[in-house]
Amino acid sequence: MADDQYLLTESLAVLRPYADELVAEFADRLATGHPALGAIFEPRLLTVLLELAATYDRPQGLLPALATMGRRYRRYGAGVEDYAAVGGVLLGTLRDFAGAAWTPAHHGAWVRAYAFAAATMMPAGAVADEEDQRLAA
């Protein structure tokens, strides 16, 4: 985890000056490549992931936000399979903005950070399904 924290922090130093453009480009790419997902996964996801990267060694503060987003995305219709598509768009956007500073090691660190976020969000989505079923009964 320490190596990942270093790699994430290093890449954030390159990406932070472009944060607004990065978020907008992520949203555009998601809406273009996966129109149904573009309407579900808002740009805030990338903002939270950038925060996660900055605090990867102590993510507890972001767990509630990730869980809330996971419940919301599920209620909007996102399925477990959609997280892979979102991750692909995320990694491609980060890579393109980082340019020559992006290495396979950075890629791996971001894959693991996104997997952590998705692993927090998906079970929260399942809880949302259970809550909705109880309310409907």
N, C-alpha and C. Protein backbone atom coordinates (compact mmCIF):
# COMPACT_ATOMS: atom_id res chain seq x y z
N MET A 1 0.82 -1.19 0.00
CA MET A 1 0.00 0.00 0.00
C MET A 1 0.87 1.26 0.00
N ALA A 2 2.02 1.21 0.68
CA ALA A 2 2.90 2.38 0.73
C ALA A 2 3.40 2.74 -0.67
N ASP A 3 3.76 1.73 -1.45
CA ASP A 3 4.20 2.00 -2.82
C ASP A 3 3.07 2.62 -3.64
N ASP A 4 1.86 2.08 -3.48
CA ASP A 4 0.72 2.65 -4.19
C ASP A 4 0.48 4.09 -3.77
N GLN A 5 0.58 4.36 -2.47
CA GLN A 5 0.38 5.73 -2.00
C GLN A 5 1.38 6.67 -2.66
N TYR A 6 2.62 6.25 -2.74
CA TYR A 6 3.64 7.07 -3.39
C TYR A 6 3.30 7.31 -4.87
N LEU A 7 2.93 6.25 -5.57
CA LEU A 7 2.62 6.36 -7.00
C LEU A 7 1.39 7.23 -7.24
N LEU A 8 0.38 7.07 -6.40
CA LEU A 8 -0.83 7.88 -6.54
C LEU A 8 -0.52 9.35 -6.27
N THR A 9 0.26 9.61 -5.23
CA THR A 9 0.63 10.98 -4.89
C THR A 9 1.47 11.60 -6.01
N GLU A 10 2.39 10.81 -6.54
CA GLU A 10 3.23 11.29 -7.63
C GLU A 10 2.39 11.65 -8.86
N SER A 11 1.44 10.80 -9.19
CA SER A 11 0.60 11.09 -10.36
C SER A 11 -0.33 12.26 -10.08
N LEU A 12 -0.79 12.40 -8.84
CA LEU A 12 -1.65 13.54 -8.51
C LEU A 12 -0.92 14.86 -8.70
N ALA A 13 0.38 14.87 -8.42
CA ALA A 13 1.15 16.09 -8.62
C ALA A 13 1.11 16.53 -10.08
N VAL A 14 1.06 15.57 -10.98
CA VAL A 14 0.97 15.87 -12.41
C VAL A 14 -0.46 16.24 -12.79
N LEU A 15 -1.44 15.56 -12.21
CA LEU A 15 -2.84 15.71 -12.61
C LEU A 15 -3.56 16.90 -11.98
N ARG A 16 -3.22 17.25 -10.75
CA ARG A 16 -3.95 18.28 -10.01
C ARG A 16 -4.12 19.60 -10.76
N PRO A 17 -3.08 20.11 -11.44
CA PRO A 17 -3.28 21.38 -12.15
C PRO A 17 -4.37 21.32 -13.22
N TYR A 18 -4.73 20.13 -13.63
CA TYR A 18 -5.74 19.95 -14.68
C TYR A 18 -7.03 19.35 -14.13
N ALA A 19 -7.24 19.44 -12.82
CA ALA A 19 -8.35 18.74 -12.18
C ALA A 19 -9.70 19.07 -12.82
N ASP A 20 -9.99 20.34 -13.05
CA ASP A 20 -11.29 20.72 -13.63
C ASP A 20 -11.45 20.15 -15.03
N GLU A 21 -10.40 20.28 -15.84
CA GLU A 21 -10.46 19.74 -17.20
C GLU A 21 -10.54 18.22 -17.19
N LEU A 22 -9.84 17.61 -16.24
CA LEU A 22 -9.84 16.15 -16.11
C LEU A 22 -11.24 15.64 -15.78
N VAL A 23 -11.89 16.29 -14.83
CA VAL A 23 -13.25 15.89 -14.44
C VAL A 23 -14.20 16.06 -15.63
N ALA A 24 -14.10 17.18 -16.33
CA ALA A 24 -14.98 17.43 -17.48
C ALA A 24 -14.72 16.42 -18.59
N GLU A 25 -13.47 16.11 -18.85
CA GLU A 25 -13.13 15.14 -19.90
C GLU A 25 -13.62 13.75 -19.53
N PHE A 26 -13.46 13.37 -18.27
CA PHE A 26 -13.97 12.08 -17.80
C PHE A 26 -15.47 11.99 -18.05
N ALA A 27 -16.21 13.02 -17.66
CA ALA A 27 -17.66 13.03 -17.86
C ALA A 27 -18.01 12.96 -19.34
N ASP A 28 -17.29 13.71 -20.17
CA ASP A 28 -17.55 13.68 -21.62
C ASP A 28 -17.29 12.30 -22.21
N ARG A 29 -16.17 11.72 -21.84
CA ARG A 29 -15.83 10.39 -22.37
C ARG A 29 -16.83 9.33 -21.92
N LEU A 30 -17.25 9.43 -20.68
CA LEU A 30 -18.22 8.46 -20.18
C LEU A 30 -19.55 8.63 -20.90
N ALA A 31 -19.99 9.86 -21.08
CA ALA A 31 -21.26 10.12 -21.76
C ALA A 31 -21.20 9.71 -23.23
N THR A 32 -20.05 9.88 -23.86
CA THR A 32 -19.90 9.53 -25.27
C THR A 32 -19.78 8.02 -25.47
N GLY A 33 -18.93 7.40 -24.67
CA GLY A 33 -18.68 5.97 -24.84
C GLY A 33 -19.74 5.07 -24.23
N HIS A 34 -20.39 5.57 -23.19
CA HIS A 34 -21.40 4.78 -22.47
C HIS A 34 -22.53 5.73 -22.06
N PRO A 35 -23.37 6.12 -23.02
CA PRO A 35 -24.38 7.15 -22.74
C PRO A 35 -25.25 6.87 -21.52
N ALA A 36 -25.65 5.64 -21.33
CA ALA A 36 -26.49 5.33 -20.18
C ALA A 36 -25.74 5.56 -18.87
N LEU A 37 -24.45 5.27 -18.87
CA LEU A 37 -23.66 5.45 -17.66
C LEU A 37 -23.33 6.91 -17.41
N GLY A 38 -23.17 7.67 -18.48
CA GLY A 38 -22.88 9.09 -18.33
C GLY A 38 -23.96 9.81 -17.56
N ALA A 39 -25.18 9.33 -17.66
CA ALA A 39 -26.30 9.93 -16.93
C ALA A 39 -26.34 9.47 -15.48
N ILE A 40 -25.65 8.39 -15.16
CA ILE A 40 -25.69 7.83 -13.81
C ILE A 40 -24.47 8.25 -13.00
N PHE A 41 -23.29 8.03 -13.55
CA PHE A 41 -22.05 8.29 -12.82
C PHE A 41 -21.66 9.75 -13.03
N GLU A 42 -21.92 10.57 -12.02
CA GLU A 42 -21.65 11.99 -12.16
C GLU A 42 -20.16 12.29 -11.99
N PRO A 43 -19.74 13.47 -12.41
CA PRO A 43 -18.33 13.84 -12.30
C PRO A 43 -17.79 13.79 -10.87
N ARG A 44 -18.67 13.88 -9.89
CA ARG A 44 -18.21 13.82 -8.49
C ARG A 44 -17.45 12.54 -8.22
N LEU A 45 -17.75 11.47 -8.93
CA LEU A 45 -17.02 10.22 -8.73
C LEU A 45 -15.53 10.44 -8.92
N LEU A 46 -15.14 11.11 -9.97
CA LEU A 46 -13.71 11.33 -10.21
C LEU A 46 -13.13 12.22 -9.12
N THR A 47 -13.87 13.21 -8.68
CA THR A 47 -13.40 14.08 -7.60
C THR A 47 -13.13 13.26 -6.34
N VAL A 48 -14.05 12.37 -6.00
CA VAL A 48 -13.87 11.52 -4.82
C VAL A 48 -12.69 10.57 -5.03
N LEU A 49 -12.51 10.05 -6.23
CA LEU A 49 -11.37 9.17 -6.49
C LEU A 49 -10.05 9.92 -6.38
N LEU A 50 -10.02 11.17 -6.80
CA LEU A 50 -8.81 11.97 -6.63
C LEU A 50 -8.53 12.20 -5.15
N GLU A 51 -9.58 12.41 -4.36
CA GLU A 51 -9.41 12.54 -2.91
C GLU A 51 -8.92 11.22 -2.32
N LEU A 52 -9.47 10.11 -2.80
CA LEU A 52 -9.04 8.80 -2.32
C LEU A 52 -7.56 8.59 -2.61
N ALA A 53 -7.12 8.98 -3.78
CA ALA A 53 -5.71 8.82 -4.13
C ALA A 53 -4.82 9.62 -3.19
N ALA A 54 -5.29 10.78 -2.78
CA ALA A 54 -4.50 11.62 -1.88
C ALA A 54 -4.46 11.07 -0.46
N THR A 55 -5.45 10.26 -0.10
CA THR A 55 -5.53 9.73 1.27
C THR A 55 -5.60 8.21 1.28
N TYR A 56 -4.99 7.59 0.30
CA TYR A 56 -5.12 6.14 0.10
C TYR A 56 -4.66 5.34 1.31
N ASP A 57 -3.71 5.85 2.05
CA ASP A 57 -3.22 5.13 3.22
C ASP A 57 -4.14 5.29 4.43
N ARG A 58 -5.14 6.15 4.32
CA ARG A 58 -6.12 6.35 5.39
C ARG A 58 -7.48 6.71 4.78
N PRO A 59 -8.13 5.75 4.15
CA PRO A 59 -9.34 6.03 3.36
C PRO A 59 -10.64 6.13 4.17
N GLN A 60 -10.57 5.94 5.48
CA GLN A 60 -11.79 5.87 6.28
C GLN A 60 -12.70 7.08 6.09
N GLY A 61 -12.13 8.25 5.91
CA GLY A 61 -12.95 9.45 5.75
C GLY A 61 -13.79 9.46 4.49
N LEU A 62 -13.38 8.70 3.49
CA LEU A 62 -14.13 8.68 2.23
C LEU A 62 -15.10 7.51 2.12
N LEU A 63 -15.03 6.57 3.04
CA LEU A 63 -15.91 5.40 2.94
C LEU A 63 -17.39 5.78 2.93
N PRO A 64 -17.84 6.70 3.79
CA PRO A 64 -19.27 7.08 3.73
C PRO A 64 -19.66 7.68 2.38
N ALA A 65 -18.82 8.53 1.82
CA ALA A 65 -19.13 9.14 0.52
C ALA A 65 -19.20 8.08 -0.57
N LEU A 66 -18.27 7.14 -0.55
CA LEU A 66 -18.29 6.06 -1.54
C LEU A 66 -19.53 5.20 -1.39
N ALA A 67 -19.89 4.88 -0.16
CA ALA A 67 -21.08 4.05 0.06
C ALA A 67 -22.35 4.78 -0.40
N THR A 68 -22.44 6.06 -0.10
CA THR A 68 -23.60 6.84 -0.53
C THR A 68 -23.69 6.87 -2.05
N MET A 69 -22.55 7.07 -2.70
CA MET A 69 -22.55 7.09 -4.16
C MET A 69 -22.93 5.72 -4.71
N GLY A 70 -22.46 4.66 -4.10
CA GLY A 70 -22.81 3.31 -4.55
C GLY A 70 -24.30 3.05 -4.47
N ARG A 71 -24.92 3.49 -3.37
CA ARG A 71 -26.38 3.32 -3.22
C ARG A 71 -27.11 4.14 -4.28
N ARG A 72 -26.67 5.37 -4.48
CA ARG A 72 -27.33 6.25 -5.46
C ARG A 72 -27.20 5.68 -6.87
N TYR A 73 -26.00 5.24 -7.23
CA TYR A 73 -25.79 4.70 -8.58
C TYR A 73 -26.65 3.48 -8.82
N ARG A 74 -26.79 2.64 -7.81
CA ARG A 74 -27.63 1.44 -7.96
C ARG A 74 -29.09 1.84 -8.17
N ARG A 75 -29.54 2.81 -7.40
CA ARG A 75 -30.93 3.26 -7.54
C ARG A 75 -31.18 3.90 -8.90
N TYR A 76 -30.14 4.46 -9.50
CA TYR A 76 -30.25 5.04 -10.84
C TYR A 76 -30.13 3.98 -11.93
N GLY A 77 -29.84 2.74 -11.53
CA GLY A 77 -29.80 1.66 -12.51
C GLY A 77 -28.44 1.08 -12.82
N ALA A 78 -27.40 1.52 -12.16
CA ALA A 78 -26.06 0.98 -12.42
C ALA A 78 -25.95 -0.43 -11.83
N GLY A 79 -25.35 -1.32 -12.61
CA GLY A 79 -25.11 -2.67 -12.15
C GLY A 79 -23.63 -2.89 -11.88
N VAL A 80 -23.33 -4.01 -11.27
CA VAL A 80 -21.94 -4.35 -10.96
C VAL A 80 -21.08 -4.31 -12.22
N GLU A 81 -21.63 -4.78 -13.33
CA GLU A 81 -20.87 -4.82 -14.59
C GLU A 81 -20.50 -3.43 -15.10
N ASP A 82 -21.21 -2.41 -14.68
CA ASP A 82 -20.94 -1.06 -15.16
C ASP A 82 -19.66 -0.47 -14.57
N TYR A 83 -19.25 -0.97 -13.43
CA TYR A 83 -18.05 -0.44 -12.79
C TYR A 83 -16.80 -0.68 -13.64
N ALA A 84 -16.75 -1.77 -14.38
CA ALA A 84 -15.60 -2.04 -15.25
C ALA A 84 -15.52 -1.00 -16.37
N ALA A 85 -16.65 -0.66 -16.96
CA ALA A 85 -16.66 0.34 -18.03
C ALA A 85 -16.22 1.70 -17.49
N VAL A 86 -16.72 2.07 -16.33
CA VAL A 86 -16.35 3.34 -15.72
C VAL A 86 -14.85 3.35 -15.41
N GLY A 87 -14.35 2.23 -14.89
CA GLY A 87 -12.93 2.13 -14.59
C GLY A 87 -12.07 2.28 -15.82
N GLY A 88 -12.50 1.71 -16.93
CA GLY A 88 -11.75 1.84 -18.18
C GLY A 88 -11.68 3.27 -18.65
N VAL A 89 -12.80 3.98 -18.56
CA VAL A 89 -12.82 5.39 -18.96
C VAL A 89 -11.94 6.21 -18.00
N LEU A 90 -12.04 5.91 -16.73
CA LEU A 90 -11.22 6.60 -15.73
C LEU A 90 -9.74 6.45 -16.04
N LEU A 91 -9.30 5.21 -16.20
CA LEU A 91 -7.87 4.96 -16.42
C LEU A 91 -7.38 5.60 -17.72
N GLY A 92 -8.19 5.53 -18.76
CA GLY A 92 -7.80 6.16 -20.02
C GLY A 92 -7.68 7.66 -19.90
N THR A 93 -8.59 8.27 -19.17
CA THR A 93 -8.55 9.72 -18.98
C THR A 93 -7.33 10.13 -18.16
N LEU A 94 -7.09 9.41 -17.08
CA LEU A 94 -5.91 9.71 -16.25
C LEU A 94 -4.63 9.56 -17.06
N ARG A 95 -4.53 8.48 -17.80
CA ARG A 95 -3.34 8.22 -18.61
C ARG A 95 -3.11 9.35 -19.61
N ASP A 96 -4.16 9.75 -20.30
CA ASP A 96 -4.01 10.78 -21.32
C ASP A 96 -3.61 12.12 -20.72
N PHE A 97 -4.14 12.45 -19.56
CA PHE A 97 -3.77 13.72 -18.93
C PHE A 97 -2.38 13.68 -18.33
N ALA A 98 -1.95 12.52 -17.84
CA ALA A 98 -0.61 12.41 -17.24
C ALA A 98 0.48 12.38 -18.30
N GLY A 99 0.14 11.92 -19.49
CA GLY A 99 1.11 11.90 -20.58
C GLY A 99 2.31 11.02 -20.29
N ALA A 100 3.49 11.54 -20.55
CA ALA A 100 4.73 10.76 -20.40
C ALA A 100 5.01 10.39 -18.95
N ALA A 101 4.38 11.06 -18.00
CA ALA A 101 4.59 10.75 -16.58
C ALA A 101 3.88 9.46 -16.17
N TRP A 102 2.96 8.97 -17.00
CA TRP A 102 2.18 7.76 -16.69
C TRP A 102 3.02 6.53 -17.00
N THR A 103 3.16 5.66 -16.02
CA THR A 103 3.93 4.43 -16.19
C THR A 103 3.05 3.23 -15.87
N PRO A 104 3.50 2.03 -16.21
CA PRO A 104 2.74 0.85 -15.81
C PRO A 104 2.54 0.77 -14.30
N ALA A 105 3.50 1.24 -13.54
CA ALA A 105 3.35 1.23 -12.08
C ALA A 105 2.23 2.17 -11.64
N HIS A 106 2.15 3.34 -12.24
CA HIS A 106 1.05 4.27 -11.93
C HIS A 106 -0.29 3.64 -12.30
N HIS A 107 -0.31 3.02 -13.46
CA HIS A 107 -1.54 2.35 -13.91
C HIS A 107 -1.99 1.33 -12.87
N GLY A 108 -1.07 0.50 -12.42
CA GLY A 108 -1.41 -0.52 -11.43
C GLY A 108 -1.92 0.07 -10.13
N ALA A 109 -1.29 1.15 -9.68
CA ALA A 109 -1.73 1.78 -8.44
C ALA A 109 -3.15 2.34 -8.57
N TRP A 110 -3.45 2.94 -9.73
CA TRP A 110 -4.79 3.47 -9.94
C TRP A 110 -5.81 2.35 -10.12
N VAL A 111 -5.42 1.25 -10.72
CA VAL A 111 -6.33 0.10 -10.83
C VAL A 111 -6.71 -0.37 -9.43
N ARG A 112 -5.72 -0.48 -8.55
CA ARG A 112 -6.00 -0.95 -7.19
C ARG A 112 -6.84 0.07 -6.41
N ALA A 113 -6.57 1.36 -6.58
CA ALA A 113 -7.36 2.38 -5.89
C ALA A 113 -8.81 2.36 -6.37
N TYR A 114 -9.00 2.23 -7.68
CA TYR A 114 -10.36 2.17 -8.21
C TYR A 114 -11.06 0.89 -7.75
N ALA A 115 -10.33 -0.21 -7.73
CA ALA A 115 -10.92 -1.48 -7.27
C ALA A 115 -11.38 -1.35 -5.82
N PHE A 116 -10.59 -0.67 -5.00
CA PHE A 116 -10.98 -0.44 -3.61
C PHE A 116 -12.27 0.37 -3.55
N ALA A 117 -12.33 1.45 -4.34
CA ALA A 117 -13.53 2.30 -4.35
C ALA A 117 -14.74 1.51 -4.82
N ALA A 118 -14.58 0.77 -5.90
CA ALA A 118 -15.70 -0.02 -6.44
C ALA A 118 -16.14 -1.09 -5.44
N ALA A 119 -15.17 -1.69 -4.76
CA ALA A 119 -15.50 -2.73 -3.77
C ALA A 119 -16.25 -2.14 -2.58
N THR A 120 -16.12 -0.87 -2.35
CA THR A 120 -16.89 -0.19 -1.31
C THR A 120 -18.27 0.19 -1.83
N MET A 121 -18.33 0.63 -3.07
CA MET A 121 -19.58 1.12 -3.64
C MET A 121 -20.56 0.00 -4.00
N MET A 122 -20.06 -1.09 -4.55
CA MET A 122 -20.97 -2.15 -5.03
C MET A 122 -21.80 -2.78 -3.91
N PRO A 123 -21.20 -3.15 -2.76
CA PRO A 123 -22.04 -3.71 -1.70
C PRO A 123 -23.07 -2.70 -1.18
N ALA A 124 -22.71 -1.43 -1.18
CA ALA A 124 -23.68 -0.41 -0.77
C ALA A 124 -24.86 -0.38 -1.73
N GLY A 125 -24.59 -0.63 -3.01
CA GLY A 125 -25.67 -0.73 -3.99
C GLY A 125 -26.58 -1.90 -3.71
N ALA A 126 -25.99 -3.01 -3.27
CA ALA A 126 -26.80 -4.18 -2.92
C ALA A 126 -27.69 -3.88 -1.72
N VAL A 127 -27.17 -3.11 -0.77
CA VAL A 127 -27.97 -2.71 0.38
C VAL A 127 -29.13 -1.83 -0.08
N ALA A 128 -28.89 -0.97 -1.04
CA ALA A 128 -29.97 -0.12 -1.58
C ALA A 128 -31.06 -0.99 -2.18
N ASP A 129 -30.67 -2.05 -2.89
CA ASP A 129 -31.67 -2.97 -3.46
C ASP A 129 -32.51 -3.59 -2.35
N GLU A 130 -31.86 -4.04 -1.29
CA GLU A 130 -32.58 -4.66 -0.17
C GLU A 130 -33.53 -3.66 0.49
N GLU A 131 -33.06 -2.43 0.68
CA GLU A 131 -33.91 -1.40 1.28
C GLU A 131 -35.13 -1.13 0.40
N ASP A 132 -34.91 -1.03 -0.90
CA ASP A 132 -36.01 -0.78 -1.82
C ASP A 132 -37.02 -1.92 -1.81
N GLN A 133 -36.54 -3.15 -1.72
CA GLN A 133 -37.44 -4.31 -1.68
C GLN A 133 -38.26 -4.30 -0.39
N ARG A 134 -37.63 -3.95 0.73
CA ARG A 134 -38.37 -3.88 2.00
C ARG A 134 -39.45 -2.81 1.94
N LEU A 135 -39.11 -1.67 1.35
CA LEU A 135 -40.08 -0.58 1.26
C LEU A 135 -41.24 -0.93 0.33
N ALA A 136 -40.96 -1.72 -0.69
CA ALA A 136 -41.99 -2.10 -1.66
C ALA A 136 -42.92 -3.17 -1.10
N ALA A 137 -42.45 -3.89 -0.09
CA ALA A 137 -43.24 -5.00 0.46
C ALA A 137 -44.35 -4.52 1.36
